[in-house]
Every structure is written in C-alpha cells, then in structure tokens.
Amino acid sequence: MTPTTVADKASAVEWLAAFALRMRSESESELVLSAVDAAIQETFPHYLADVEVHREVRAATRAHWLGFLAVIGRTQFEARPPTEAVDGARTVARRGYGVDMLLKTYRAAQRGLWRYITQVLHQQIPDPELRGAVLVIFWEHSTQWLDTCLDGIVAAYMDEREHHTRNFDAQRTEIVQAILRGESAPSADSPDYLGYPMDDSHVALILWTDRKVPARHATGLLREHASHIAYTLGTPPPLLISSGVHGLWAWMATSHVPNIADVPVPPIAHIHLAVGTPRSGLEGFRRSHLEAVAAQRIATSAHNASAVTAYRDVDLVCMLTGDGDIESVRALIERELGQLADRSEPTARLRDTVLEFLCAGGNIEMTASLLGVHGNTVRYRLRQAERRLGHTIESRRVHIELALRCLSVYGDELLPVL
C-alpha cells in the first residue's frame, strides 16, 4: 500500500462514507455474503455443508459487515464482536471444531471480502489515486476490525469449549458423533452409558430456532418442545444433544413404529424441526439422523417450507439435490413397496405389471399388449398389488414408480432380506 496525502485521505474518507450508505442495502449485502461464502467454501468445502454451522457463519458475516460499515468512515472507532459472531464461535466449539478452524474461517472470509471489494472499487473509482487511498483505508480499518473482534470471539470459543469439555453432555456428544461417523464407539449401545436404548426403533429429529430467538432462550425452548414430541408419540424421554446455540439433535426410542404425522407443530413460529423416518438399531440411529439432516437442508433453503419438514415428504427432492445414496434408495424401496418387495416369483410378476402400467401412462390395454396378457389379467394383478401395498397405486404413484425403476436397474439385491 502506498502512503496517502492528507487531501487523498479526506477524499477517501468522504467516498467511503457514501459507499457505506449504499452497501447497507439488502441486495448489496447479499453480494458481499455470497463472496465470503465462496471464499470459505474454497478452503473448507465440507464445513459449510453443515447447515447449522453455515447459518451461524452467515449470521456472523452479516453482523460483521453491517457493523463495519457503520464505522468505516470514521478516523477513530471501537470494534466489538457482534452477538451473532459470539454465538457462531460457541456453536463451532460445541460441534467439536478446533480453534484453528475458527481462525482459518475468518481469514478465508477476509480474503473473500478483500477480493470482492477490490473488484467493486476498480469498477466504481476510475481515479487511480483516489482508489488507492480508499483501498489503504479500507484495508487498515478492516484489519483493525477483524483483529480486535477476534480477541473476543476466540475468548468466547475457549470459554464454551472449556465448559462443554467439563460437562457430561460433552461425553455423550462425543459418543453420538462417533456413532454418526460410523466409528466404533465402545459401550455406545449401553443404556448405562448414554441412558438410551440403542436396540429399539429410532426417530431422529433436528430442531432449530430463527436467529430472532436469543441464544440464551433457544436451547430451553427446543428441549421443551422435543420432550413434548416424545410425550405425543408415546416414547420415553428423548436423547438430546446440543448442536449449537440455536440447534438441538434429538432421538426418540420406541418399540412401536410411530406415525410421523402425529409430530406436533412447534408452539411458536420461530421454532422449526426436521424429522427422519423410523429405523431400527444402531444403523437406524445413524440413518434416521442423516434423513433429518437432509430434510433440514431442504427446509432451510426453501422459501415456503413449513414448520415441520418430514424426510418422507421431501425424500425425492433430497435425492435429486444431492442427499441420496444407495442406502436411501434401499429404504425407499422397502418403505414404498412394503409387501410388494418380497423375493417370490409371483410378487416379482406383480411388480413388473405395476411398472409397465405406470410406464404406459395408466393404460390397461397398452400394458396388456406390452406384457402379452389379457387386459383382465392386468386388472387382477393391479388389484393384488394394491392389496399388498395397502393403498392405491395412484396415491403414491411417483414414489412407487421411482422405487420400481431403481429395482429394474439394481436388481433384487436392493430387496429387503426377510
């Protein structure tokens, strides 16, 4: 950076003050946030895939940007870490990320901001001397802001990490996270260790609040609603793991298969939840949670999402947008086909008939022609298939067709073993 004259500096400060007013708009701020997101994504591609961490990082970035704009035109200013940034640091600590991850995230964000601002200033300031003076001041002030705020942010991270490490919840969190990663977790399935029966069926939930709910109130509200859900579903008290200052992971253990439609809507508008499908055993514990994570991603990215997002209602969207794997397909087949998924030859014939019927657009005669049988035979087989499904083909047409098409590609290996 080259030295600036007093005249250059005065002009630059004046220009920056006007610039700050323009950049406070929602549209301009969104461009800055997107640039910072992109820079963090380049460094940590898996970091922002964590929906809750991404929400906290986004909120912290916005708060930093708006706070910085408020003081950018001043010669002297005091930088304080925004509440959102402190909450974000606490969430990062609770999720088990190291302090180095927190610091590298901020440095990546700084690179993204600097890269964006230099492009904007080259477009908006044709005078190279004024542009240079503005860049010098912007760099000095943004560095001062970041360095000062980081002291408080790191302190909040360390306090939360120390408290969490001392807490019994931290031990349970480590066990649960090991289970979710598929790692061996000694005694993880012992009720004495987690206070939770791993051998039962499980329904995983992810609960979170809008940022309008203060962090100090969020956890209590989410725990209370999770307990209410367990009571409604007729299950024992849930296993609860804090996933951040605005989030909670929950599992309901049950000896019966609960009706997900009975999950109560949160009592206030600022609470949201995503629900996995009921699954059994240790693997079911993992899979139901992964489904809830996928449903949460849809809920947080869709503008018209409801307060409760069940994976079963958005599973096809999840698969189409990157959350699907072979186990998700296997689960889809088992759930949608039910008794139509056994391995007997007569049942395979029924499946073939249903698939041909769907491919023929529901035309009985065309289906009969494709199969080389009489139309009445097709009608009989469709009635038999619906009897096994427990409902009409039309009521779950898309899901059934997708399940059958997947079977036609992968073969009987995806059928459940009874």
Protein backbone atom coordinates (compact mmCIF):
# COMPACT_ATOMS: atom_id res chain seq x y z
CA MET A 1 0.00 0.00 0.00
CA THR A 2 1.41 3.42 -0.95
CA PRO A 3 1.29 6.36 1.53
CA THR A 4 -1.62 8.76 1.10
CA THR A 5 -1.65 12.56 1.38
CA VAL A 6 -3.97 14.40 3.76
CA ALA A 7 -6.10 15.52 0.78
CA ASP A 8 -6.23 11.99 -0.57
CA LYS A 9 -7.26 10.66 2.83
CA ALA A 10 -10.02 13.24 3.29
CA SER A 11 -11.44 12.45 -0.14
CA ALA A 12 -11.16 8.74 0.52
CA VAL A 13 -12.97 9.00 3.88
CA GLU A 14 -15.73 11.03 2.24
CA TRP A 15 -16.06 8.49 -0.56
CA LEU A 16 -16.14 5.59 1.92
CA ALA A 17 -18.90 7.24 3.95
CA ALA A 18 -21.11 7.45 0.86
CA PHE A 19 -20.07 3.92 -0.13
CA ALA A 20 -21.12 2.58 3.29
CA LEU A 21 -24.61 4.00 2.87
CA ARG A 22 -25.04 2.30 -0.49
CA MET A 23 -23.64 -1.03 0.66
CA ARG A 24 -26.06 -1.37 3.59
CA SER A 25 -28.86 -2.35 1.22
CA GLU A 26 -30.06 -5.95 1.30
CA SER A 27 -29.03 -6.62 -2.29
CA GLU A 28 -25.51 -5.25 -1.87
CA SER A 29 -25.02 -7.05 1.44
CA GLU A 30 -26.12 -10.33 -0.17
CA LEU A 31 -23.41 -9.97 -2.82
CA VAL A 32 -20.78 -9.50 -0.11
CA LEU A 33 -22.08 -12.50 1.86
CA SER A 34 -22.00 -14.67 -1.26
CA ALA A 35 -18.40 -13.64 -1.96
CA VAL A 36 -17.39 -14.53 1.61
CA ASP A 37 -19.28 -17.85 1.41
CA ALA A 38 -17.43 -18.71 -1.79
CA ALA A 39 -14.05 -18.00 -0.20
CA ILE A 40 -14.83 -20.15 2.83
CA GLN A 41 -16.15 -22.90 0.56
CA GLU A 42 -12.86 -22.92 -1.35
CA THR A 43 -10.95 -23.57 1.87
CA PHE A 44 -13.42 -25.85 3.70
CA PRO A 45 -15.78 -27.49 1.17
CA HIS A 46 -17.32 -29.75 3.85
CA TYR A 47 -17.58 -27.08 6.55
CA LEU A 48 -20.46 -25.10 5.07
CA ALA A 49 -22.29 -28.32 4.16
CA ASP A 50 -23.18 -28.36 7.88
CA VAL A 51 -26.48 -26.47 7.68
CA GLU A 52 -26.42 -25.14 11.22
CA VAL A 53 -22.79 -24.04 11.13
CA HIS A 54 -23.47 -22.35 7.79
CA ARG A 55 -26.40 -20.46 9.31
CA GLU A 56 -24.23 -19.24 12.17
CA VAL A 57 -21.37 -18.27 9.85
CA ARG A 58 -23.81 -16.41 7.58
CA ALA A 59 -25.32 -14.52 10.51
CA ALA A 60 -21.89 -13.62 11.88
CA THR A 61 -20.69 -12.42 8.48
CA ARG A 62 -23.74 -10.21 8.03
CA ALA A 63 -23.38 -8.73 11.51
CA HIS A 64 -19.66 -8.05 10.98
CA TRP A 65 -20.32 -6.40 7.63
CA LEU A 66 -23.09 -4.12 8.87
CA GLY A 67 -21.12 -3.24 12.00
CA PHE A 68 -18.03 -2.44 9.97
CA LEU A 69 -20.00 -0.27 7.53
CA ALA A 70 -21.22 1.80 10.48
CA VAL A 71 -17.67 2.83 11.39
CA ILE A 72 -15.78 2.63 8.09
CA GLY A 73 -15.85 6.38 7.52
CA ARG A 74 -14.57 7.27 10.98
CA THR A 75 -10.98 8.08 11.83
CA GLN A 76 -11.33 6.53 15.29
CA PHE A 77 -13.66 3.66 16.10
CA GLU A 78 -14.12 0.88 18.63
CA ALA A 79 -14.64 -2.64 17.33
CA ARG A 80 -16.70 -5.10 19.30
CA PRO A 81 -17.59 -8.63 18.19
CA PRO A 82 -21.29 -8.79 17.28
CA THR A 83 -23.52 -11.09 19.31
CA GLU A 84 -24.02 -13.24 16.21
CA ALA A 85 -20.26 -13.77 15.92
CA VAL A 86 -20.01 -14.82 19.56
CA ASP A 87 -22.91 -17.25 19.08
CA GLY A 88 -21.18 -18.63 16.00
CA ALA A 89 -17.96 -19.24 17.93
CA ARG A 90 -19.91 -21.06 20.63
CA THR A 91 -21.59 -23.27 18.04
CA VAL A 92 -18.23 -24.11 16.44
CA ALA A 93 -16.94 -25.08 19.89
CA ARG A 94 -19.95 -27.27 20.62
CA ARG A 95 -19.58 -29.08 17.32
CA GLY A 96 -16.03 -30.09 18.20
CA TYR A 97 -14.18 -27.99 15.60
CA GLY A 98 -10.75 -26.74 16.67
CA VAL A 99 -9.94 -23.09 17.27
CA ASP A 100 -7.70 -23.25 14.20
CA MET A 101 -10.81 -23.92 12.11
CA LEU A 102 -12.45 -20.83 13.57
CA LEU A 103 -9.42 -18.63 12.82
CA LYS A 104 -8.95 -20.02 9.31
CA THR A 105 -12.62 -19.39 8.59
CA TYR A 106 -12.20 -15.73 9.47
CA ARG A 107 -9.06 -15.42 7.38
CA ALA A 108 -10.80 -17.05 4.43
CA ALA A 109 -13.72 -14.65 4.92
CA GLN A 110 -11.30 -11.72 4.94
CA ARG A 111 -9.78 -12.90 1.65
CA GLY A 112 -13.22 -13.21 0.09
CA LEU A 113 -14.22 -9.73 1.25
CA TRP A 114 -10.97 -8.15 0.02
CA ARG A 115 -11.25 -9.85 -3.35
CA TYR A 116 -14.82 -8.60 -3.77
CA ILE A 117 -14.11 -5.06 -2.60
CA THR A 118 -11.10 -4.59 -4.87
CA GLN A 119 -13.26 -5.58 -7.85
CA VAL A 120 -16.02 -3.17 -6.81
CA LEU A 121 -13.62 -0.27 -6.25
CA HIS A 122 -11.96 -0.80 -9.63
CA GLN A 123 -15.39 -0.54 -11.21
CA GLN A 124 -16.59 2.45 -9.20
CA ILE A 125 -13.47 4.63 -8.85
CA PRO A 126 -11.78 5.49 -12.16
CA ASP A 127 -9.21 7.80 -10.48
CA PRO A 128 -6.28 5.53 -9.51
CA GLU A 129 -5.04 7.87 -6.73
CA LEU A 130 -8.42 8.05 -5.03
CA ARG A 131 -8.88 4.31 -5.49
CA GLY A 132 -5.51 3.63 -3.89
CA ALA A 133 -6.30 5.90 -0.95
CA VAL A 134 -9.67 4.17 -0.43
CA LEU A 135 -8.06 0.73 -0.59
CA VAL A 136 -5.47 1.73 2.02
CA ILE A 137 -8.10 2.96 4.46
CA PHE A 138 -10.39 0.00 3.81
CA TRP A 139 -7.57 -2.47 4.41
CA GLU A 140 -6.36 -0.75 7.57
CA HIS A 141 -9.85 -0.44 9.06
CA SER A 142 -11.00 -3.94 8.12
CA THR A 143 -7.82 -5.47 9.55
CA GLN A 144 -8.22 -3.46 12.75
CA TRP A 145 -11.86 -4.52 13.00
CA LEU A 146 -11.07 -8.19 12.48
CA ASP A 147 -8.06 -8.33 14.80
CA THR A 148 -9.94 -6.57 17.60
CA CYS A 149 -13.09 -8.66 17.24
CA LEU A 150 -11.17 -11.93 17.06
CA ASP A 151 -9.90 -11.45 20.61
CA GLY A 152 -13.45 -11.54 21.96
CA ILE A 153 -14.57 -14.27 19.55
CA VAL A 154 -11.71 -16.60 20.47
CA ALA A 155 -12.32 -15.93 24.16
CA ALA A 156 -15.99 -16.92 23.72
CA TYR A 157 -14.91 -20.07 21.86
CA MET A 158 -12.43 -21.07 24.59
CA ASP A 159 -14.95 -20.45 27.39
CA GLU A 160 -17.57 -22.56 25.62
CA ARG A 161 -15.08 -25.31 24.81
CA GLU A 162 -13.86 -25.49 28.40
CA HIS A 163 -17.39 -25.55 29.79
CA HIS A 164 -18.51 -28.14 27.25
CA THR A 165 -15.49 -30.35 27.89
CA ARG A 166 -16.17 -30.37 31.62
CA ASN A 167 -19.81 -31.15 31.08
CA PHE A 168 -21.23 -34.65 30.99
CA ASP A 169 -23.08 -33.69 27.81
CA ALA A 170 -19.73 -33.43 26.08
CA GLN A 171 -19.05 -37.12 26.71
CA ARG A 172 -22.43 -38.08 25.32
CA THR A 173 -21.88 -35.80 22.33
CA GLU A 174 -18.56 -37.47 21.55
CA ILE A 175 -20.17 -40.91 21.66
CA VAL A 176 -23.08 -39.86 19.46
CA GLN A 177 -20.82 -38.16 16.93
CA ALA A 178 -18.66 -41.31 16.77
CA ILE A 179 -21.78 -43.39 16.11
CA LEU A 180 -22.90 -41.00 13.38
CA ARG A 181 -19.48 -41.20 11.73
CA GLY A 182 -19.76 -44.99 11.71
CA GLU A 183 -16.78 -45.35 14.04
CA SER A 184 -16.53 -47.97 16.70
CA ALA A 185 -17.69 -46.49 19.97
CA PRO A 186 -17.03 -48.77 22.97
CA SER A 187 -20.16 -49.22 25.06
CA ALA A 188 -22.01 -46.74 22.85
CA ASP A 189 -25.01 -49.04 22.75
CA SER A 190 -25.13 -49.47 26.51
CA PRO A 191 -28.11 -47.83 28.23
CA ASP A 192 -25.84 -47.19 31.22
CA TYR A 193 -23.52 -45.12 29.05
CA LEU A 194 -25.96 -43.00 27.08
CA GLY A 195 -29.13 -43.60 29.03
CA TYR A 196 -30.75 -44.51 25.74
CA PRO A 197 -31.77 -47.93 24.31
CA MET A 198 -29.98 -48.40 21.00
CA ASP A 199 -31.72 -51.67 20.15
CA ASP A 200 -35.13 -50.05 19.67
CA SER A 201 -36.53 -48.22 16.67
CA HIS A 202 -35.47 -44.59 16.41
CA VAL A 203 -36.93 -41.40 15.05
CA ALA A 204 -34.32 -38.67 14.68
CA LEU A 205 -35.23 -35.00 14.78
CA ILE A 206 -33.31 -31.80 14.28
CA LEU A 207 -34.77 -28.74 15.97
CA TRP A 208 -33.61 -25.18 15.48
CA THR A 209 -34.77 -21.62 16.05
CA ASP A 210 -34.63 -18.49 13.95
CA ARG A 211 -31.99 -16.03 14.97
CA LYS A 212 -34.79 -13.80 16.28
CA VAL A 213 -34.79 -16.05 19.34
CA PRO A 214 -31.92 -15.01 21.68
CA ALA A 215 -29.36 -17.78 22.09
CA ARG A 216 -29.88 -17.82 25.87
CA HIS A 217 -33.51 -18.86 25.36
CA ALA A 218 -33.16 -21.13 22.31
CA THR A 219 -31.87 -24.31 23.96
CA GLY A 220 -34.55 -24.32 26.65
CA LEU A 221 -37.35 -23.84 24.10
CA LEU A 222 -36.02 -26.62 21.87
CA ARG A 223 -35.57 -29.09 24.74
CA GLU A 224 -39.08 -28.38 25.97
CA HIS A 225 -40.58 -28.98 22.53
CA ALA A 226 -38.53 -32.16 22.00
CA SER A 227 -39.90 -33.53 25.28
CA HIS A 228 -43.42 -32.61 24.17
CA ILE A 229 -42.90 -34.52 20.91
CA ALA A 230 -41.76 -37.61 22.82
CA TYR A 231 -44.84 -37.42 25.03
CA THR A 232 -47.10 -37.05 21.98
CA LEU A 233 -45.52 -40.04 20.23
CA GLY A 234 -45.70 -42.12 23.41
CA THR A 235 -41.93 -42.64 23.73
CA PRO A 236 -39.59 -42.41 26.73
CA PRO A 237 -37.66 -39.14 27.26
CA PRO A 238 -35.57 -38.41 24.16
CA LEU A 239 -31.81 -38.43 23.79
CA LEU A 240 -30.88 -34.75 23.33
CA ILE A 241 -27.58 -33.40 22.02
CA SER A 242 -26.91 -29.69 21.63
CA SER A 243 -25.80 -28.97 18.07
CA GLY A 244 -25.20 -25.25 18.58
CA VAL A 245 -26.61 -22.24 20.38
CA HIS A 246 -29.71 -22.30 18.18
CA GLY A 247 -29.97 -26.03 17.47
CA LEU A 248 -30.68 -29.42 19.01
CA TRP A 249 -30.42 -33.03 17.81
CA ALA A 250 -32.94 -35.47 19.25
CA TRP A 251 -33.72 -39.18 19.03
CA MET A 252 -36.93 -40.88 20.17
CA ALA A 253 -36.63 -44.58 21.01
CA THR A 254 -39.77 -46.64 20.59
CA SER A 255 -40.79 -50.29 20.48
CA HIS A 256 -43.55 -49.42 18.00
CA VAL A 257 -43.45 -47.52 14.71
CA PRO A 258 -44.83 -44.05 15.44
CA ASN A 259 -46.87 -42.04 12.97
CA ILE A 260 -44.70 -39.12 11.90
CA ALA A 261 -47.85 -37.18 11.04
CA ASP A 262 -48.51 -37.01 14.81
CA VAL A 263 -45.40 -34.89 15.44
CA PRO A 264 -46.84 -31.65 16.86
CA VAL A 265 -46.22 -28.31 15.20
CA PRO A 266 -43.96 -26.06 17.34
CA PRO A 267 -45.88 -23.69 19.64
CA ILE A 268 -44.15 -20.58 18.31
CA ALA A 269 -43.35 -19.55 14.74
CA HIS A 270 -39.60 -19.27 15.29
CA ILE A 271 -39.06 -22.98 16.04
CA HIS A 272 -38.56 -25.44 13.17
CA LEU A 273 -37.88 -29.15 13.00
CA ALA A 274 -36.85 -31.81 10.51
CA VAL A 275 -37.85 -35.44 11.05
CA GLY A 276 -36.24 -38.64 9.84
CA THR A 277 -38.13 -41.88 9.27
CA PRO A 278 -38.38 -44.59 11.97
CA ARG A 279 -35.47 -47.04 11.74
CA SER A 280 -34.13 -49.85 13.89
CA GLY A 281 -30.90 -50.44 15.74
CA LEU A 282 -27.56 -48.67 15.62
CA GLU A 283 -27.64 -48.24 11.84
CA GLY A 284 -31.19 -46.93 12.09
CA PHE A 285 -29.99 -44.38 14.64
CA ARG A 286 -27.50 -43.09 12.04
CA ARG A 287 -29.75 -43.28 9.00
CA SER A 288 -32.72 -41.54 10.58
CA HIS A 289 -30.42 -38.69 11.62
CA LEU A 290 -28.97 -38.38 8.10
CA GLU A 291 -32.51 -38.18 6.77
CA ALA A 292 -33.32 -35.42 9.26
CA VAL A 293 -30.19 -33.56 8.15
CA ALA A 294 -31.30 -33.83 4.52
CA ALA A 295 -34.79 -32.61 5.40
CA GLN A 296 -33.31 -29.69 7.33
CA ARG A 297 -31.30 -28.67 4.29
CA ILE A 298 -34.46 -28.56 2.21
CA ALA A 299 -36.35 -26.67 4.94
CA THR A 300 -33.67 -24.00 5.30
CA SER A 301 -33.27 -23.47 1.57
CA ALA A 302 -36.95 -23.45 0.58
CA HIS A 303 -38.82 -20.16 0.92
CA ASN A 304 -42.18 -21.78 1.63
CA ALA A 305 -41.07 -24.56 3.98
CA SER A 306 -43.45 -25.50 6.78
CA ALA A 307 -42.54 -25.57 10.47
CA VAL A 308 -42.22 -29.38 10.36
CA THR A 309 -40.35 -30.98 7.45
CA ALA A 310 -40.51 -34.76 7.35
CA TYR A 311 -37.94 -36.59 5.23
CA ARG A 312 -40.66 -38.84 3.83
CA ASP A 313 -42.35 -35.77 2.33
CA VAL A 314 -39.19 -34.44 0.67
CA ASP A 315 -37.17 -37.61 0.06
CA LEU A 316 -37.37 -37.38 -3.74
CA VAL A 317 -36.24 -33.76 -3.65
CA CYS A 318 -33.38 -34.74 -1.33
CA MET A 319 -32.22 -37.47 -3.69
CA LEU A 320 -32.40 -35.18 -6.70
CA THR A 321 -30.42 -32.44 -4.98
CA GLY A 322 -27.52 -34.50 -3.69
CA ASP A 323 -28.53 -36.24 -0.44
CA GLY A 324 -29.25 -39.64 -1.93
CA ASP A 325 -27.13 -42.78 -1.71
CA ILE A 326 -27.73 -46.48 -2.25
CA GLU A 327 -29.00 -46.91 1.31
CA SER A 328 -31.54 -44.14 0.76
CA VAL A 329 -32.73 -45.97 -2.35
CA ARG A 330 -32.94 -49.26 -0.44
CA ALA A 331 -35.01 -47.56 2.25
CA LEU A 332 -37.29 -46.02 -0.38
CA ILE A 333 -37.94 -49.45 -1.91
CA GLU A 334 -38.66 -51.09 1.43
CA ARG A 335 -40.95 -48.30 2.58
CA GLU A 336 -42.89 -47.71 -0.63
CA LEU A 337 -43.32 -51.30 -1.80
CA GLY A 338 -43.92 -52.95 1.57
CA GLN A 339 -45.27 -56.48 0.97
CA LEU A 340 -44.74 -55.94 -2.74
CA ALA A 341 -40.99 -56.15 -2.06
CA ASP A 342 -40.67 -59.84 -1.20
CA ARG A 343 -38.45 -62.06 -3.35
CA SER A 344 -41.03 -64.58 -4.59
CA GLU A 345 -41.65 -65.05 -8.30
CA PRO A 346 -45.40 -64.19 -8.13
CA THR A 347 -44.58 -60.92 -6.38
CA ALA A 348 -41.91 -60.09 -8.96
CA ARG A 349 -44.58 -60.58 -11.63
CA LEU A 350 -46.87 -58.13 -9.82
CA ARG A 351 -44.03 -55.58 -9.65
CA ASP A 352 -43.35 -55.96 -13.36
CA THR A 353 -47.01 -55.40 -14.13
CA VAL A 354 -47.22 -52.27 -11.97
CA LEU A 355 -44.08 -50.80 -13.59
CA GLU A 356 -45.34 -51.48 -17.11
CA PHE A 357 -48.71 -49.98 -16.14
CA LEU A 358 -47.03 -46.79 -14.89
CA CYS A 359 -44.74 -46.59 -17.92
CA ALA A 360 -47.83 -46.93 -20.16
CA GLY A 361 -49.40 -43.89 -18.50
CA GLY A 362 -52.01 -45.98 -16.69
CA ASN A 363 -53.38 -47.53 -19.90
CA ILE A 364 -54.61 -51.08 -19.15
CA GLU A 365 -54.79 -52.28 -22.76
CA MET A 366 -51.34 -50.95 -23.64
CA THR A 367 -49.93 -52.66 -20.53
CA ALA A 368 -51.59 -55.93 -21.54
CA SER A 369 -50.11 -55.65 -25.02
CA LEU A 370 -46.60 -54.99 -23.66
CA LEU A 371 -46.83 -57.98 -21.30
CA GLY A 372 -48.59 -60.27 -23.81
CA VAL A 373 -51.52 -61.00 -21.49
CA HIS A 374 -55.24 -60.21 -21.40
CA GLY A 375 -56.45 -56.87 -20.00
CA ASN A 376 -58.37 -58.65 -17.23
CA THR A 377 -55.12 -60.28 -16.12
CA VAL A 378 -53.55 -56.83 -15.77
CA ARG A 379 -56.55 -55.61 -13.75
CA TYR A 380 -56.34 -58.62 -11.45
CA ARG A 381 -52.60 -58.16 -10.87
CA LEU A 382 -53.03 -54.44 -10.14
CA ARG A 383 -55.72 -55.23 -7.55
CA GLN A 384 -53.39 -57.78 -5.95
CA ALA A 385 -50.54 -55.28 -5.93
CA GLU A 386 -52.67 -52.60 -4.28
CA ARG A 387 -53.80 -55.12 -1.67
CA ARG A 388 -50.16 -55.71 -0.78
CA LEU A 389 -49.31 -52.01 -0.85
CA GLY A 390 -52.22 -51.19 1.45
CA HIS A 391 -53.32 -48.28 -0.73
CA THR A 392 -53.95 -47.39 -4.36
CA ILE A 393 -51.07 -47.12 -6.78
CA GLU A 394 -52.21 -43.63 -7.75
CA SER A 395 -51.93 -42.31 -4.18
CA ARG A 396 -48.12 -42.81 -4.21
CA ARG A 397 -47.61 -43.02 -7.97
CA VAL A 398 -44.31 -41.13 -8.28
CA HIS A 399 -42.67 -42.83 -5.29
CA ILE A 400 -43.75 -46.30 -6.38
CA GLU A 401 -42.54 -45.78 -9.94
CA LEU A 402 -39.16 -44.50 -8.75
CA ALA A 403 -38.78 -47.49 -6.39
CA LEU A 404 -39.62 -49.92 -9.20
CA ARG A 405 -37.32 -48.19 -11.67
CA CYS A 406 -34.44 -48.39 -9.18
CA LEU A 407 -35.14 -52.10 -8.75
CA SER A 408 -35.07 -52.59 -12.52
CA VAL A 409 -31.59 -51.03 -12.60
CA TYR A 410 -30.01 -52.58 -9.49
CA GLY A 411 -31.91 -55.86 -9.37
CA ASP A 412 -33.09 -57.91 -6.42
CA GLU A 413 -30.05 -57.01 -4.30
CA LEU A 414 -31.98 -53.94 -3.10
CA LEU A 415 -34.93 -56.00 -1.89
CA PRO A 416 -35.12 -56.45 1.89
CA VAL A 417 -33.95 -59.78 3.27
CA LEU A 418 -36.75 -61.22 5.39
